[in-house]
Amino acid sequence: PPHPPPLLSRPPPPLAPPPPPVPPPPPLHPRRVAPTSLTLAMRRFRALVLHTLWPSDRSLWGSLRSPAWWALQALGHFPLVGQLWWLVLAALVDRSDECQLCASLVRFS
């Protein structure tokens, strides 16, 4: 008997080129520069004022015993200085912290 014709095998399909590499995600924040001594002093002043006026670890009675609390509260009662003081306090509030922002809006209204 005659031999059957040989089966023609197809060549394998060409391999697809690899996908391009995925670029790294952008940074969450821009590149930060080391803070200067002036920046650190301003941050300390902000922290001191906000913690003295509105402490999270003391009650009202603890604040009443603090002379610094009385001094900062008295600043708000003088005619011209008081208006500027409230503007400074509004500028010191961290707007990225939702709790601090809402609490300051309630205090200032």
PDB file of N, CA and C in Angstrom:
ATOM      1  N   PRO A   1       0.834  -1.182   0.000  1.00  0.00           N
ATOM      2  CA  PRO A   1       0.000   0.000   0.000  1.00  0.00           C
ATOM      3  C   PRO A   1       0.880   1.249   0.000  1.00  0.00           C
ATOM      4  N   PRO A   2       0.359   2.219  -0.681  1.00  0.00           N
ATOM      5  CA  PRO A   2       1.172   3.443  -0.729  1.00  0.00           C
ATOM      6  C   PRO A   2       1.169   4.137   0.636  1.00  0.00           C
ATOM      7  N   HIS A   3       2.230   4.818   0.861  1.00  0.00           N
ATOM      8  CA  HIS A   3       2.353   5.545   2.122  1.00  0.00           C
ATOM      9  C   HIS A   3       1.512   6.815   2.071  1.00  0.00           C
ATOM     10  N   PRO A   4       0.878   7.139   3.202  1.00  0.00           N
ATOM     11  CA  PRO A   4       0.112   8.392   3.181  1.00  0.00           C
ATOM     12  C   PRO A   4       1.081   9.576   3.088  1.00  0.00           C
ATOM     13  N   PRO A   5       0.599  10.662   2.506  1.00  0.00           N
ATOM     14  CA  PRO A   5       1.505  11.814   2.409  1.00  0.00           C
ATOM     15  C   PRO A   5       1.868  12.325   3.815  1.00  0.00           C
ATOM     16  N   PRO A   6       3.055  12.815   3.960  1.00  0.00           N
ATOM     17  CA  PRO A   6       3.439  13.288   5.298  1.00  0.00           C
ATOM     18  C   PRO A   6       2.581  14.482   5.714  1.00  0.00           C
ATOM     19  N   LEU A   7       2.274  14.522   6.971  1.00  0.00           N
ATOM     20  CA  LEU A   7       1.475  15.633   7.489  1.00  0.00           C
ATOM     21  C   LEU A   7       2.341  16.883   7.514  1.00  0.00           C
ATOM     22  N   LEU A   8       1.772  17.888   6.940  1.00  0.00           N
ATOM     23  CA  LEU A   8       2.513  19.139   6.938  1.00  0.00           C
ATOM     24  C   LEU A   8       2.297  19.822   8.285  1.00  0.00           C
ATOM     25  N   SER A   9       3.344  19.983   8.958  1.00  0.00           N
ATOM     26  CA  SER A   9       3.190  20.643  10.243  1.00  0.00           C
ATOM     27  C   SER A   9       3.400  22.141  10.047  1.00  0.00           C
ATOM     28  N   ARG A  10       2.597  22.866  10.715  1.00  0.00           N
ATOM     29  CA  ARG A  10       2.705  24.318  10.618  1.00  0.00           C
ATOM     30  C   ARG A  10       3.802  24.798  11.565  1.00  0.00           C
ATOM     31  N   PRO A  11       4.491  25.829  11.159  1.00  0.00           N
ATOM     32  CA  PRO A  11       5.484  26.361  12.100  1.00  0.00           C
ATOM     33  C   PRO A  11       4.767  27.076  13.247  1.00  0.00           C
ATOM     34  N   PRO A  12       5.376  27.098  14.416  1.00  0.00           N
ATOM     35  CA  PRO A  12       4.701  27.764  15.539  1.00  0.00           C
ATOM     36  C   PRO A  12       4.524  29.258  15.238  1.00  0.00           C
ATOM     37  N   PRO A  13       3.448  29.818  15.750  1.00  0.00           N
ATOM     38  CA  PRO A  13       3.236  31.247  15.488  1.00  0.00           C
ATOM     39  C   PRO A  13       4.367  32.061  16.127  1.00  0.00           C
ATOM     40  N   PRO A  14       4.666  33.189  15.527  1.00  0.00           N
ATOM     41  CA  PRO A  14       5.752  33.988  16.117  1.00  0.00           C
ATOM     42  C   PRO A  14       5.339  34.525  17.494  1.00  0.00           C
ATOM     43  N   LEU A  15       6.307  34.623  18.353  1.00  0.00           N
ATOM     44  CA  LEU A  15       6.032  35.109  19.701  1.00  0.00           C
ATOM     45  C   LEU A  15       5.733  36.607  19.648  1.00  0.00           C
ATOM     46  N   ALA A  16       4.750  36.993  20.441  1.00  0.00           N
ATOM     47  CA  ALA A  16       4.405  38.415  20.500  1.00  0.00           C
ATOM     48  C   ALA A  16       5.505  39.150  21.246  1.00  0.00           C
ATOM     49  N   PRO A  17       5.760  40.379  20.846  1.00  0.00           N
ATOM     50  CA  PRO A  17       6.804  41.110  21.580  1.00  0.00           C
ATOM     51  C   PRO A  17       6.358  41.370  23.015  1.00  0.00           C
ATOM     52  N   PRO A  18       7.296  41.415  23.921  1.00  0.00           N
ATOM     53  CA  PRO A  18       6.907  41.637  25.327  1.00  0.00           C
ATOM     54  C   PRO A  18       6.286  43.031  25.479  1.00  0.00           C
ATOM     55  N   PRO A  19       5.361  43.166  26.412  1.00  0.00           N
ATOM     56  CA  PRO A  19       4.743  44.479  26.602  1.00  0.00           C
ATOM     57  C   PRO A  19       5.787  45.479  27.112  1.00  0.00           C
ATOM     58  N   PRO A  20       5.550  46.732  26.839  1.00  0.00           N
ATOM     59  CA  PRO A  20       6.522  47.722  27.326  1.00  0.00           C
ATOM     60  C   PRO A  20       6.519  47.761  28.849  1.00  0.00           C
ATOM     61  N   PRO A  21       7.640  48.110  29.448  1.00  0.00           N
ATOM     62  CA  PRO A  21       7.690  48.125  30.916  1.00  0.00           C
ATOM     63  C   PRO A  21       6.747  49.192  31.465  1.00  0.00           C
ATOM     64  N   VAL A  22       6.158  48.875  32.605  1.00  0.00           N
ATOM     65  CA  VAL A  22       5.227  49.798  33.253  1.00  0.00           C
ATOM     66  C   VAL A  22       6.049  50.863  33.980  1.00  0.00           C
ATOM     67  N   PRO A  23       5.750  52.143  33.727  1.00  0.00           N
ATOM     68  CA  PRO A  23       6.528  53.182  34.429  1.00  0.00           C
ATOM     69  C   PRO A  23       6.180  53.186  35.910  1.00  0.00           C
ATOM     70  N   PRO A  24       7.116  53.600  36.741  1.00  0.00           N
ATOM     71  CA  PRO A  24       6.820  53.628  38.183  1.00  0.00           C
ATOM     72  C   PRO A  24       5.767  54.687  38.484  1.00  0.00           C
ATOM     73  N   PRO A  25       4.977  54.480  39.523  1.00  0.00           N
ATOM     74  CA  PRO A  25       3.942  55.469  39.853  1.00  0.00           C
ATOM     75  C   PRO A  25       4.590  56.775  40.297  1.00  0.00           C
ATOM     76  N   PRO A  26       3.885  57.877  40.107  1.00  0.00           N
ATOM     77  CA  PRO A  26       4.453  59.158  40.551  1.00  0.00           C
ATOM     78  C   PRO A  26       4.531  59.185  42.071  1.00  0.00           C
ATOM     79  N   PRO A  27       5.441  59.957  42.615  1.00  0.00           N
ATOM     80  CA  PRO A  27       5.545  60.022  44.078  1.00  0.00           C
ATOM     81  C   PRO A  27       4.293  60.643  44.670  1.00  0.00           C
ATOM     82  N   LEU A  28       3.998  60.265  45.916  1.00  0.00           N
ATOM     83  CA  LEU A  28       2.807  60.773  46.585  1.00  0.00           C
ATOM     84  C   LEU A  28       2.948  62.244  46.932  1.00  0.00           C
ATOM     85  N   HIS A  29       4.132  62.695  47.117  1.00  0.00           N
ATOM     86  CA  HIS A  29       4.363  64.103  47.423  1.00  0.00           C
ATOM     87  C   HIS A  29       5.602  64.539  46.658  1.00  0.00           C
ATOM     88  N   PRO A  30       5.708  65.805  46.369  1.00  0.00           N
ATOM     89  CA  PRO A  30       6.903  66.252  45.668  1.00  0.00           C
ATOM     90  C   PRO A  30       8.149  66.062  46.526  1.00  0.00           C
ATOM     91  N   ARG A  31       9.253  66.081  45.884  1.00  0.00           N
ATOM     92  CA  ARG A  31      10.508  65.891  46.608  1.00  0.00           C
ATOM     93  C   ARG A  31      10.643  66.963  47.685  1.00  0.00           C
ATOM     94  N   ARG A  32      10.874  66.519  48.884  1.00  0.00           N
ATOM     95  CA  ARG A  32      10.942  67.451  50.000  1.00  0.00           C
ATOM     96  C   ARG A  32      12.380  67.831  50.277  1.00  0.00           C
ATOM     97  N   VAL A  33      12.526  69.050  50.692  1.00  0.00           N
ATOM     98  CA  VAL A  33      13.834  69.562  51.045  1.00  0.00           C
ATOM     99  C   VAL A  33      13.911  69.597  52.565  1.00  0.00           C
ATOM    100  N   ALA A  34      15.080  69.400  53.081  1.00  0.00           N
ATOM    101  CA  ALA A  34      15.248  69.423  54.538  1.00  0.00           C
ATOM    102  C   ALA A  34      14.818  70.787  55.070  1.00  0.00           C
ATOM    103  N   PRO A  35      14.001  70.804  56.124  1.00  0.00           N
ATOM    104  CA  PRO A  35      13.525  72.097  56.646  1.00  0.00           C
ATOM    105  C   PRO A  35      14.664  72.910  57.239  1.00  0.00           C
ATOM    106  N   THR A  36      14.542  74.201  57.087  1.00  0.00           N
ATOM    107  CA  THR A  36      15.546  75.097  57.647  1.00  0.00           C
ATOM    108  C   THR A  36      15.224  75.360  59.115  1.00  0.00           C
ATOM    109  N   SER A  37      16.116  76.042  59.782  1.00  0.00           N
ATOM    110  CA  SER A  37      15.877  76.333  61.197  1.00  0.00           C
ATOM    111  C   SER A  37      14.699  77.297  61.364  1.00  0.00           C
ATOM    112  N   LEU A  38      14.497  78.191  60.387  1.00  0.00           N
ATOM    113  CA  LEU A  38      13.350  79.096  60.458  1.00  0.00           C
ATOM    114  C   LEU A  38      12.043  78.317  60.322  1.00  0.00           C
ATOM    115  N   THR A  39      12.022  77.360  59.402  1.00  0.00           N
ATOM    116  CA  THR A  39      10.821  76.536  59.229  1.00  0.00           C
ATOM    117  C   THR A  39      10.538  75.734  60.493  1.00  0.00           C
ATOM    118  N   LEU A  40      11.576  75.174  61.082  1.00  0.00           N
ATOM    119  CA  LEU A  40      11.379  74.399  62.316  1.00  0.00           C
ATOM    120  C   LEU A  40      10.887  75.293  63.449  1.00  0.00           C
ATOM    121  N   ALA A  41      11.413  76.507  63.528  1.00  0.00           N
ATOM    122  CA  ALA A  41      10.964  77.432  64.578  1.00  0.00           C
ATOM    123  C   ALA A  41       9.502  77.810  64.373  1.00  0.00           C
ATOM    124  N   MET A  42       9.094  78.002  63.132  1.00  0.00           N
ATOM    125  CA  MET A  42       7.690  78.336  62.854  1.00  0.00           C
ATOM    126  C   MET A  42       6.781  77.160  63.193  1.00  0.00           C
ATOM    127  N   ARG A  43       7.220  75.947  62.904  1.00  0.00           N
ATOM    128  CA  ARG A  43       6.418  74.765  63.243  1.00  0.00           C
ATOM    129  C   ARG A  43       6.283  74.613  64.755  1.00  0.00           C
ATOM    130  N   ARG A  44       7.368  74.875  65.469  1.00  0.00           N
ATOM    131  CA  ARG A  44       7.313  74.775  66.937  1.00  0.00           C
ATOM    132  C   ARG A  44       6.391  75.833  67.520  1.00  0.00           C
ATOM    133  N   PHE A  45       6.450  77.055  66.970  1.00  0.00           N
ATOM    134  CA  PHE A  45       5.564  78.119  67.430  1.00  0.00           C
ATOM    135  C   PHE A  45       4.110  77.731  67.189  1.00  0.00           C
ATOM    136  N   ARG A  46       3.824  77.215  66.006  1.00  0.00           N
ATOM    137  CA  ARG A  46       2.457  76.793  65.667  1.00  0.00           C
ATOM    138  C   ARG A  46       1.981  75.702  66.628  1.00  0.00           C
ATOM    139  N   ALA A  47       2.830  74.706  66.860  1.00  0.00           N
ATOM    140  CA  ALA A  47       2.463  73.614  67.759  1.00  0.00           C
ATOM    141  C   ALA A  47       2.257  74.116  69.187  1.00  0.00           C
ATOM    142  N   LEU A  48       3.122  75.021  69.638  1.00  0.00           N
ATOM    143  CA  LEU A  48       3.001  75.556  70.989  1.00  0.00           C
ATOM    144  C   LEU A  48       1.703  76.333  71.164  1.00  0.00           C
ATOM    145  N   VAL A  49       1.385  77.192  70.202  1.00  0.00           N
ATOM    146  CA  VAL A  49       0.168  78.005  70.312  1.00  0.00           C
ATOM    147  C   VAL A  49      -1.077  77.131  70.260  1.00  0.00           C
ATOM    148  N   LEU A  50      -1.140  76.231  69.263  1.00  0.00           N
ATOM    149  CA  LEU A  50      -2.352  75.412  69.131  1.00  0.00           C
ATOM    150  C   LEU A  50      -2.523  74.462  70.302  1.00  0.00           C
ATOM    151  N   HIS A  51      -1.417  73.899  70.810  1.00  0.00           N
ATOM    152  CA  HIS A  51      -1.556  72.979  71.937  1.00  0.00           C
ATOM    153  C   HIS A  51      -1.887  73.728  73.223  1.00  0.00           C
ATOM    154  N   THR A  52      -1.398  74.954  73.346  1.00  0.00           N
ATOM    155  CA  THR A  52      -1.718  75.723  74.547  1.00  0.00           C
ATOM    156  C   THR A  52      -3.187  76.133  74.552  1.00  0.00           C
ATOM    157  N   LEU A  53      -3.688  76.569  73.406  1.00  0.00           N
ATOM    158  CA  LEU A  53      -5.078  77.024  73.343  1.00  0.00           C
ATOM    159  C   LEU A  53      -6.080  75.874  73.337  1.00  0.00           C
ATOM    160  N   TRP A  54      -5.799  74.858  72.536  1.00  0.00           N
ATOM    161  CA  TRP A  54      -6.753  73.757  72.370  1.00  0.00           C
ATOM    162  C   TRP A  54      -6.056  72.418  72.579  1.00  0.00           C
ATOM    163  N   PRO A  55      -5.689  72.108  73.839  1.00  0.00           N
ATOM    164  CA  PRO A  55      -4.964  70.852  74.075  1.00  0.00           C
ATOM    165  C   PRO A  55      -5.895  69.651  73.932  1.00  0.00           C
ATOM    166  N   SER A  56      -5.302  68.572  73.445  1.00  0.00           N
ATOM    167  CA  SER A  56      -6.099  67.342  73.315  1.00  0.00           C
ATOM    168  C   SER A  56      -5.930  66.445  74.526  1.00  0.00           C
ATOM    169  N   ASP A  57      -4.975  66.760  75.388  1.00  0.00           N
ATOM    170  CA  ASP A  57      -4.706  65.891  76.531  1.00  0.00           C
ATOM    171  C   ASP A  57      -5.010  66.549  77.877  1.00  0.00           C
ATOM    172  N   ARG A  58      -5.706  67.693  77.861  1.00  0.00           N
ATOM    173  CA  ARG A  58      -6.080  68.373  79.105  1.00  0.00           C
ATOM    174  C   ARG A  58      -7.540  68.793  79.036  1.00  0.00           C
ATOM    175  N   SER A  59      -8.150  68.861  80.169  1.00  0.00           N
ATOM    176  CA  SER A  59      -9.526  69.336  80.228  1.00  0.00           C
ATOM    177  C   SER A  59      -9.522  70.853  80.349  1.00  0.00           C
ATOM    178  N   LEU A  60     -10.689  71.426  80.421  1.00  0.00           N
ATOM    179  CA  LEU A  60     -10.790  72.864  80.603  1.00  0.00           C
ATOM    180  C   LEU A  60     -10.134  73.275  81.915  1.00  0.00           C
ATOM    181  N   TRP A  61     -10.290  72.452  82.936  1.00  0.00           N
ATOM    182  CA  TRP A  61      -9.714  72.790  84.236  1.00  0.00           C
ATOM    183  C   TRP A  61      -8.199  72.769  84.181  1.00  0.00           C
ATOM    184  N   GLY A  62      -7.629  71.887  83.395  1.00  0.00           N
ATOM    185  CA  GLY A  62      -6.181  71.876  83.229  1.00  0.00           C
ATOM    186  C   GLY A  62      -5.696  73.110  82.490  1.00  0.00           C
ATOM    187  N   SER A  63      -6.488  73.561  81.521  1.00  0.00           N
ATOM    188  CA  SER A  63      -6.118  74.772  80.790  1.00  0.00           C
ATOM    189  C   SER A  63      -6.239  76.005  81.666  1.00  0.00           C
ATOM    190  N   LEU A  64      -7.244  76.033  82.540  1.00  0.00           N
ATOM    191  CA  LEU A  64      -7.431  77.202  83.410  1.00  0.00           C
ATOM    192  C   LEU A  64      -6.260  77.405  84.363  1.00  0.00           C
ATOM    193  N   ARG A  65      -5.527  76.336  84.680  1.00  0.00           N
ATOM    194  CA  ARG A  65      -4.377  76.456  85.575  1.00  0.00           C
ATOM    195  C   ARG A  65      -3.116  76.895  84.854  1.00  0.00           C
ATOM    196  N   SER A  66      -3.165  76.993  83.520  1.00  0.00           N
ATOM    197  CA  SER A  66      -1.973  77.338  82.749  1.00  0.00           C
ATOM    198  C   SER A  66      -1.895  78.853  82.528  1.00  0.00           C
ATOM    199  N   PRO A  67      -0.814  79.510  82.961  1.00  0.00           N
ATOM    200  CA  PRO A  67      -0.683  80.950  82.713  1.00  0.00           C
ATOM    201  C   PRO A  67      -0.548  81.270  81.221  1.00  0.00           C
ATOM    202  N   ALA A  68       0.066  80.377  80.459  1.00  0.00           N
ATOM    203  CA  ALA A  68       0.206  80.621  79.018  1.00  0.00           C
ATOM    204  C   ALA A  68      -1.162  80.627  78.344  1.00  0.00           C
ATOM    205  N   TRP A  69      -2.067  79.766  78.793  1.00  0.00           N
ATOM    206  CA  TRP A  69      -3.416  79.740  78.226  1.00  0.00           C
ATOM    207  C   TRP A  69      -4.108  81.074  78.485  1.00  0.00           C
ATOM    208  N   TRP A  70      -3.972  81.599  79.705  1.00  0.00           N
ATOM    209  CA  TRP A  70      -4.595  82.876  80.038  1.00  0.00           C
ATOM    210  C   TRP A  70      -4.003  84.000  79.185  1.00  0.00           C
ATOM    211  N   ALA A  71      -2.693  83.969  78.970  1.00  0.00           N
ATOM    212  CA  ALA A  71      -2.047  85.024  78.182  1.00  0.00           C
ATOM    213  C   ALA A  71      -2.528  84.994  76.732  1.00  0.00           C
ATOM    214  N   LEU A  72      -2.627  83.800  76.153  1.00  0.00           N
ATOM    215  CA  LEU A  72      -3.087  83.704  74.764  1.00  0.00           C
ATOM    216  C   LEU A  72      -4.573  84.039  74.642  1.00  0.00           C
ATOM    217  N   GLN A  73      -5.353  83.689  75.648  1.00  0.00           N
ATOM    218  CA  GLN A  73      -6.767  84.048  75.613  1.00  0.00           C
ATOM    219  C   GLN A  73      -6.942  85.560  75.738  1.00  0.00           C
ATOM    220  N   ALA A  74      -6.098  86.199  76.542  1.00  0.00           N
ATOM    221  CA  ALA A  74      -6.204  87.648  76.744  1.00  0.00           C
ATOM    222  C   ALA A  74      -5.867  88.410  75.462  1.00  0.00           C
ATOM    223  N   LEU A  75      -4.996  87.848  74.619  1.00  0.00           N
ATOM    224  CA  LEU A  75      -4.648  88.524  73.362  1.00  0.00           C
ATOM    225  C   LEU A  75      -5.876  88.772  72.500  1.00  0.00           C
ATOM    226  N   GLY A  76      -6.825  87.880  72.526  1.00  0.00           N
ATOM    227  CA  GLY A  76      -8.017  88.010  71.694  1.00  0.00           C
ATOM    228  C   GLY A  76      -8.992  89.064  72.172  1.00  0.00           C
ATOM    229  N   HIS A  77      -8.777  89.637  73.346  1.00  0.00           N
ATOM    230  CA  HIS A  77      -9.730  90.599  73.898  1.00  0.00           C
ATOM    231  C   HIS A  77      -9.316  92.051  73.752  1.00  0.00           C
ATOM    232  N   PHE A  78      -8.095  92.300  73.277  1.00  0.00           N
ATOM    233  CA  PHE A  78      -7.668  93.677  73.053  1.00  0.00           C
ATOM    234  C   PHE A  78      -8.178  94.156  71.697  1.00  0.00           C
ATOM    235  N   PRO A  79      -8.529  95.436  71.562  1.00  0.00           N
ATOM    236  CA  PRO A  79      -9.205  95.912  70.352  1.00  0.00           C
ATOM    237  C   PRO A  79      -8.491  95.604  69.029  1.00  0.00           C
ATOM    238  N   LEU A  80      -7.313  96.109  68.786  1.00  0.00           N
ATOM    239  CA  LEU A  80      -6.674  95.892  67.486  1.00  0.00           C
ATOM    240  C   LEU A  80      -5.889  94.587  67.460  1.00  0.00           C
ATOM    241  N   VAL A  81      -5.211  94.293  68.543  1.00  0.00           N
ATOM    242  CA  VAL A  81      -4.407  93.065  68.616  1.00  0.00           C
ATOM    243  C   VAL A  81      -5.302  91.839  68.526  1.00  0.00           C
ATOM    244  N   GLY A  82      -6.479  91.924  69.112  1.00  0.00           N
ATOM    245  CA  GLY A  82      -7.390  90.779  69.101  1.00  0.00           C
ATOM    246  C   GLY A  82      -7.824  90.385  67.707  1.00  0.00           C
ATOM    247  N   GLN A  83      -8.084  91.366  66.851  1.00  0.00           N
ATOM    248  CA  GLN A  83      -8.490  91.052  65.476  1.00  0.00           C
ATOM    249  C   GLN A  83      -7.357  90.376  64.722  1.00  0.00           C
ATOM    250  N   LEU A  84      -6.154  90.898  64.899  1.00  0.00           N
ATOM    251  CA  LEU A  84      -5.004  90.275  64.240  1.00  0.00           C
ATOM    252  C   LEU A  84      -4.728  88.885  64.809  1.00  0.00           C
ATOM    253  N   TRP A  85      -4.947  88.726  66.104  1.00  0.00           N
ATOM    254  CA  TRP A  85      -4.710  87.432  66.743  1.00  0.00           C
ATOM    255  C   TRP A  85      -5.638  86.358  66.168  1.00  0.00           C
ATOM    256  N   TRP A  86      -6.891  86.706  65.948  1.00  0.00           N
ATOM    257  CA  TRP A  86      -7.814  85.712  65.394  1.00  0.00           C
ATOM    258  C   TRP A  86      -7.463  85.374  63.950  1.00  0.00           C
ATOM    259  N   LEU A  87      -6.927  86.335  63.215  1.00  0.00           N
ATOM    260  CA  LEU A  87      -6.456  86.037  61.857  1.00  0.00           C
ATOM    261  C   LEU A  87      -5.242  85.107  61.884  1.00  0.00           C
ATOM    262  N   VAL A  88      -4.357  85.345  62.841  1.00  0.00           N
ATOM    263  CA  VAL A  88      -3.188  84.464  62.986  1.00  0.00           C
ATOM    264  C   VAL A  88      -3.638  83.050  63.343  1.00  0.00           C
ATOM    265  N   LEU A  89      -4.596  82.936  64.252  1.00  0.00           N
ATOM    266  CA  LEU A  89      -5.092  81.601  64.631  1.00  0.00           C
ATOM    267  C   LEU A  89      -5.747  80.894  63.450  1.00  0.00           C
ATOM    268  N   ALA A  90      -6.483  81.644  62.638  1.00  0.00           N
ATOM    269  CA  ALA A  90      -7.103  81.040  61.460  1.00  0.00           C
ATOM    270  C   ALA A  90      -6.041  80.558  60.481  1.00  0.00           C
ATOM    271  N   ALA A  91      -4.918  81.266  60.402  1.00  0.00           N
ATOM    272  CA  ALA A  91      -3.843  80.852  59.502  1.00  0.00           C
ATOM    273  C   ALA A  91      -3.056  79.668  60.053  1.00  0.00           C
ATOM    274  N   LEU A  92      -3.040  79.495  61.366  1.00  0.00           N
ATOM    275  CA  LEU A  92      -2.271  78.400  61.968  1.00  0.00           C
ATOM    276  C   LEU A  92      -2.957  77.049  61.840  1.00  0.00           C
ATOM    277  N   VAL A  93      -4.253  77.030  61.600  1.00  0.00           N
ATOM    278  CA  VAL A  93      -5.000  75.769  61.552  1.00  0.00           C
ATOM    279  C   VAL A  93      -4.599  74.984  60.308  1.00  0.00           C
ATOM    280  N   ASP A  94      -4.370  73.694  60.497  1.00  0.00           N
ATOM    281  CA  ASP A  94      -3.989  72.805  59.401  1.00  0.00           C
ATOM    282  C   ASP A  94      -5.240  72.432  58.611  1.00  0.00           C
ATOM    283  N   ARG A  95      -5.308  72.863  57.361  1.00  0.00           N
ATOM    284  CA  ARG A  95      -6.497  72.626  56.549  1.00  0.00           C
ATOM    285  C   ARG A  95      -6.574  71.204  55.997  1.00  0.00           C
ATOM    286  N   SER A  96      -5.481  70.449  56.059  1.00  0.00           N
ATOM    287  CA  SER A  96      -5.524  69.072  55.575  1.00  0.00           C
ATOM    288  C   SER A  96      -6.081  68.120  56.635  1.00  0.00           C
ATOM    289  N   ASP A  97      -6.133  68.559  57.884  1.00  0.00           N
ATOM    290  CA  ASP A  97      -6.685  67.745  58.968  1.00  0.00           C
ATOM    291  C   ASP A  97      -8.158  68.112  59.135  1.00  0.00           C
ATOM    292  N   GLU A  98      -9.028  67.199  58.734  1.00  0.00           N
ATOM    293  CA  GLU A  98     -10.463  67.487  58.718  1.00  0.00           C
ATOM    294  C   GLU A  98     -11.013  67.774  60.115  1.00  0.00           C
ATOM    295  N   CYS A  99     -10.539  67.055  61.114  1.00  0.00           N
ATOM    296  CA  CYS A  99     -11.024  67.266  62.477  1.00  0.00           C
ATOM    297  C   CYS A  99     -10.631  68.654  62.981  1.00  0.00           C
ATOM    298  N   GLN A 100      -9.375  69.032  62.750  1.00  0.00           N
ATOM    299  CA  GLN A 100      -8.911  70.342  63.195  1.00  0.00           C
ATOM    300  C   GLN A 100      -9.633  71.463  62.446  1.00  0.00           C
ATOM    301  N   LEU A 101      -9.879  71.256  61.163  1.00  0.00           N
ATOM    302  CA  LEU A 101     -10.560  72.269  60.363  1.00  0.00           C
ATOM    303  C   LEU A 101     -11.997  72.469  60.833  1.00  0.00           C
ATOM    304  N   CYS A 102     -12.721  71.380  61.066  1.00  0.00           N
ATOM    305  CA  CYS A 102     -14.122  71.509  61.530  1.00  0.00           C
ATOM    306  C   CYS A 102     -14.196  72.125  62.915  1.00  0.00           C
ATOM    307  N   ALA A 103     -13.293  71.730  63.795  1.00  0.00           N
ATOM    308  CA  ALA A 103     -13.298  72.288  65.145  1.00  0.00           C
ATOM    309  C   ALA A 103     -12.997  73.784  65.112  1.00  0.00           C
ATOM    310  N   SER A 104     -12.088  74.197  64.249  1.00  0.00           N
ATOM    311  CA  SER A 104     -11.771  75.633  64.181  1.00  0.00           C
ATOM    312  C   SER A 104     -12.919  76.423  63.562  1.00  0.00           C
ATOM    313  N   LEU A 105     -13.617  75.844  62.604  1.00  0.00           N
ATOM    314  CA  LEU A 105     -14.784  76.532  62.025  1.00  0.00           C
ATOM    315  C   LEU A 105     -15.876  76.738  63.070  1.00  0.00           C
ATOM    316  N   VAL A 106     -16.067  75.749  63.929  1.00  0.00           N
ATOM    317  CA  VAL A 106     -17.063  75.888  64.996  1.00  0.00           C
ATOM    318  C   VAL A 106     -16.621  76.939  66.000  1.00  0.00           C
ATOM    319  N   ARG A 107     -15.315  76.974  66.328  1.00  0.00           N
ATOM    320  CA  ARG A 107     -14.814  77.959  67.284  1.00  0.00           C
ATOM    321  C   ARG A 107     -14.920  79.373  66.751  1.00  0.00           C
ATOM    322  N   PHE A 108     -14.603  79.573  65.472  1.00  0.00           N
ATOM    323  CA  PHE A 108     -14.585  80.914  64.909  1.00  0.00           C
ATOM    324  C   PHE A 108     -15.962  81.435  64.552  1.00  0.00           C
ATOM    325  N   SER A 109     -16.940  80.563  64.450  1.00  0.00           N
ATOM    326  CA  SER A 109     -18.275  81.044  64.064  1.00  0.00           C
ATOM    327  C   SER A 109     -19.101  81.477  65.266  1.00  0.00           C
TER     328      SER A 109
END
